[in-house]
Amino acid sequence: IEGAVAAIRRADMLIIGGTSLNVWPAAGLINYFRGEHLVLINKSAVARDLTADLVITDPIGEVLAQL
């Protein structure tokens, strides 16, 4: 957990995919992000959509297959 928190704090962009952000403690890791851009990829909307720079509401497998 400490390593994840440190990496998230240093990140310029955080991409979160395939989660409703309701499962703790993993959902709380987003609170450590201080970077510029937050991207959420999830089939349905989540509460953090309001703070994200980019929200993609498609299945994560389909999105990543296009990259």
N, C-alpha and C. Protein backbone atom coordinates (compact mmCIF):
# COMPACT_ATOMS: atom_id res chain seq x y z
N ILE A 1 0.84 -1.20 0.00
CA ILE A 1 0.00 0.00 0.00
C ILE A 1 0.88 1.24 0.00
N GLU A 2 1.93 1.24 0.79
CA GLU A 2 2.81 2.42 0.86
C GLU A 2 3.43 2.73 -0.50
N GLY A 3 3.84 1.70 -1.22
CA GLY A 3 4.41 1.89 -2.55
C GLY A 3 3.40 2.46 -3.52
N ALA A 4 2.17 1.97 -3.45
CA ALA A 4 1.11 2.48 -4.33
C ALA A 4 0.82 3.94 -4.03
N VAL A 5 0.74 4.29 -2.77
CA VAL A 5 0.49 5.68 -2.37
C VAL A 5 1.61 6.58 -2.88
N ALA A 6 2.85 6.17 -2.73
CA ALA A 6 3.98 6.96 -3.19
C ALA A 6 3.94 7.16 -4.70
N ALA A 7 3.64 6.11 -5.44
CA ALA A 7 3.56 6.21 -6.90
C ALA A 7 2.42 7.11 -7.34
N ILE A 8 1.28 6.99 -6.70
CA ILE A 8 0.13 7.82 -7.04
C ILE A 8 0.42 9.29 -6.76
N ARG A 9 1.08 9.57 -5.66
CA ARG A 9 1.43 10.96 -5.33
C ARG A 9 2.37 11.58 -6.36
N ARG A 10 3.23 10.78 -6.97
CA ARG A 10 4.21 11.28 -7.95
C ARG A 10 3.65 11.36 -9.37
N ALA A 11 2.55 10.71 -9.63
CA ALA A 11 2.02 10.60 -11.00
C ALA A 11 1.49 11.94 -11.52
N ASP A 12 1.76 12.20 -12.81
CA ASP A 12 1.19 13.37 -13.49
C ASP A 12 -0.23 13.07 -13.96
N MET A 13 -0.46 11.80 -14.32
CA MET A 13 -1.77 11.35 -14.78
C MET A 13 -2.11 10.05 -14.08
N LEU A 14 -3.36 9.91 -13.70
CA LEU A 14 -3.84 8.67 -13.09
C LEU A 14 -5.00 8.16 -13.93
N ILE A 15 -4.86 6.94 -14.42
CA ILE A 15 -5.92 6.29 -15.19
C ILE A 15 -6.48 5.17 -14.33
N ILE A 16 -7.76 5.26 -14.05
CA ILE A 16 -8.45 4.26 -13.23
C ILE A 16 -9.46 3.58 -14.12
N GLY A 17 -9.43 2.25 -14.17
CA GLY A 17 -10.33 1.55 -15.07
C GLY A 17 -11.02 0.36 -14.46
N GLY A 18 -12.26 0.18 -14.86
CA GLY A 18 -13.01 -1.01 -14.52
C GLY A 18 -13.41 -1.12 -13.06
N THR A 19 -13.75 0.01 -12.45
CA THR A 19 -14.15 -0.03 -11.04
C THR A 19 -15.17 1.05 -10.75
N SER A 20 -16.04 0.75 -9.81
CA SER A 20 -17.04 1.73 -9.37
C SER A 20 -16.47 2.64 -8.28
N LEU A 21 -15.24 2.38 -7.85
CA LEU A 21 -14.59 3.11 -6.76
C LEU A 21 -15.36 3.01 -5.45
N ASN A 22 -15.97 1.85 -5.23
CA ASN A 22 -16.70 1.61 -3.99
C ASN A 22 -16.03 0.59 -3.08
N VAL A 23 -14.99 -0.07 -3.55
CA VAL A 23 -14.34 -1.13 -2.78
C VAL A 23 -13.13 -0.54 -2.05
N TRP A 24 -13.18 -0.59 -0.75
CA TRP A 24 -12.10 -0.04 0.08
C TRP A 24 -11.18 -1.15 0.54
N PRO A 25 -9.89 -0.89 0.71
CA PRO A 25 -9.22 0.41 0.75
C PRO A 25 -8.78 0.92 -0.62
N ALA A 26 -8.88 0.11 -1.66
CA ALA A 26 -8.38 0.53 -2.97
C ALA A 26 -9.04 1.82 -3.46
N ALA A 27 -10.32 1.99 -3.22
CA ALA A 27 -11.03 3.19 -3.68
C ALA A 27 -10.45 4.46 -3.05
N GLY A 28 -9.91 4.35 -1.87
CA GLY A 28 -9.34 5.51 -1.19
C GLY A 28 -8.01 5.96 -1.75
N LEU A 29 -7.36 5.13 -2.55
CA LEU A 29 -6.06 5.49 -3.10
C LEU A 29 -6.14 6.72 -4.01
N ILE A 30 -7.28 6.94 -4.63
CA ILE A 30 -7.45 8.10 -5.51
C ILE A 30 -7.25 9.41 -4.74
N ASN A 31 -7.49 9.40 -3.46
CA ASN A 31 -7.34 10.60 -2.64
C ASN A 31 -5.90 11.08 -2.53
N TYR A 32 -4.94 10.25 -2.88
CA TYR A 32 -3.53 10.63 -2.81
C TYR A 32 -3.02 11.26 -4.10
N PHE A 33 -3.84 11.24 -5.14
CA PHE A 33 -3.42 11.78 -6.43
C PHE A 33 -3.40 13.30 -6.39
N ARG A 34 -2.27 13.88 -6.80
CA ARG A 34 -2.09 15.34 -6.83
C ARG A 34 -1.69 15.83 -8.22
N GLY A 35 -1.72 14.94 -9.19
CA GLY A 35 -1.27 15.28 -10.54
C GLY A 35 -2.25 16.13 -11.31
N GLU A 36 -1.96 16.25 -12.59
CA GLU A 36 -2.72 17.13 -13.47
C GLU A 36 -3.99 16.51 -14.04
N HIS A 37 -3.95 15.24 -14.41
CA HIS A 37 -5.05 14.66 -15.17
C HIS A 37 -5.55 13.35 -14.58
N LEU A 38 -6.85 13.29 -14.36
CA LEU A 38 -7.50 12.08 -13.86
C LEU A 38 -8.40 11.54 -14.97
N VAL A 39 -8.22 10.26 -15.29
CA VAL A 39 -9.00 9.60 -16.33
C VAL A 39 -9.71 8.41 -15.72
N LEU A 40 -11.02 8.31 -15.96
CA LEU A 40 -11.81 7.19 -15.47
C LEU A 40 -12.39 6.42 -16.65
N ILE A 41 -12.20 5.10 -16.62
CA ILE A 41 -12.76 4.23 -17.64
C ILE A 41 -13.62 3.20 -16.91
N ASN A 42 -14.92 3.27 -17.11
CA ASN A 42 -15.84 2.36 -16.44
C ASN A 42 -17.15 2.31 -17.23
N LYS A 43 -17.82 1.17 -17.23
CA LYS A 43 -19.06 1.04 -18.00
C LYS A 43 -20.16 1.97 -17.51
N SER A 44 -20.17 2.26 -16.22
CA SER A 44 -21.20 3.15 -15.68
C SER A 44 -20.55 4.32 -14.96
N ALA A 45 -21.32 5.36 -14.79
CA ALA A 45 -20.82 6.56 -14.12
C ALA A 45 -20.49 6.27 -12.66
N VAL A 46 -19.50 7.00 -12.14
CA VAL A 46 -19.14 6.90 -10.72
C VAL A 46 -19.08 8.32 -10.16
N ALA A 47 -19.14 8.44 -8.86
CA ALA A 47 -19.18 9.76 -8.21
C ALA A 47 -17.98 10.62 -8.59
N ARG A 48 -16.82 10.03 -8.79
CA ARG A 48 -15.60 10.78 -9.11
C ARG A 48 -15.61 11.32 -10.54
N ASP A 49 -16.62 10.97 -11.33
CA ASP A 49 -16.70 11.50 -12.69
C ASP A 49 -16.65 13.02 -12.69
N LEU A 50 -17.19 13.63 -11.65
CA LEU A 50 -17.26 15.09 -11.58
C LEU A 50 -15.90 15.74 -11.50
N THR A 51 -14.91 15.04 -10.98
CA THR A 51 -13.57 15.61 -10.84
C THR A 51 -12.60 15.13 -11.90
N ALA A 52 -13.03 14.23 -12.76
CA ALA A 52 -12.14 13.66 -13.77
C ALA A 52 -12.01 14.59 -14.98
N ASP A 53 -10.83 14.57 -15.58
CA ASP A 53 -10.60 15.33 -16.81
C ASP A 53 -11.18 14.61 -18.02
N LEU A 54 -11.20 13.29 -17.95
CA LEU A 54 -11.74 12.48 -19.04
C LEU A 54 -12.47 11.29 -18.45
N VAL A 55 -13.71 11.09 -18.90
CA VAL A 55 -14.50 9.94 -18.46
C VAL A 55 -14.92 9.16 -19.70
N ILE A 56 -14.61 7.87 -19.71
CA ILE A 56 -14.98 7.00 -20.81
C ILE A 56 -15.91 5.93 -20.25
N THR A 57 -17.14 5.90 -20.74
CA THR A 57 -18.13 4.95 -20.21
C THR A 57 -18.36 3.81 -21.20
N ASP A 58 -17.30 3.08 -21.43
CA ASP A 58 -17.32 1.88 -22.26
C ASP A 58 -16.59 0.78 -21.50
N PRO A 59 -16.80 -0.47 -21.89
CA PRO A 59 -16.07 -1.57 -21.23
C PRO A 59 -14.56 -1.36 -21.36
N ILE A 60 -13.84 -1.55 -20.29
CA ILE A 60 -12.39 -1.29 -20.28
C ILE A 60 -11.65 -2.14 -21.31
N GLY A 61 -12.07 -3.37 -21.52
CA GLY A 61 -11.42 -4.23 -22.50
C GLY A 61 -11.51 -3.66 -23.91
N GLU A 62 -12.65 -3.10 -24.25
CA GLU A 62 -12.83 -2.49 -25.57
C GLU A 62 -11.98 -1.23 -25.70
N VAL A 63 -11.92 -0.44 -24.65
CA VAL A 63 -11.14 0.81 -24.67
C VAL A 63 -9.66 0.49 -24.83
N LEU A 64 -9.15 -0.40 -24.02
CA LEU A 64 -7.72 -0.73 -24.07
C LEU A 64 -7.34 -1.41 -25.36
N ALA A 65 -8.25 -2.15 -25.97
CA ALA A 65 -7.96 -2.82 -27.24
C ALA A 65 -7.75 -1.80 -28.37
N GLN A 66 -8.28 -0.61 -28.19
CA GLN A 66 -8.15 0.43 -29.23
C GLN A 66 -6.88 1.26 -29.07
N LEU A 67 -6.16 1.07 -27.99
CA LEU A 67 -4.94 1.87 -27.77
C LEU A 67 -3.77 1.34 -28.54
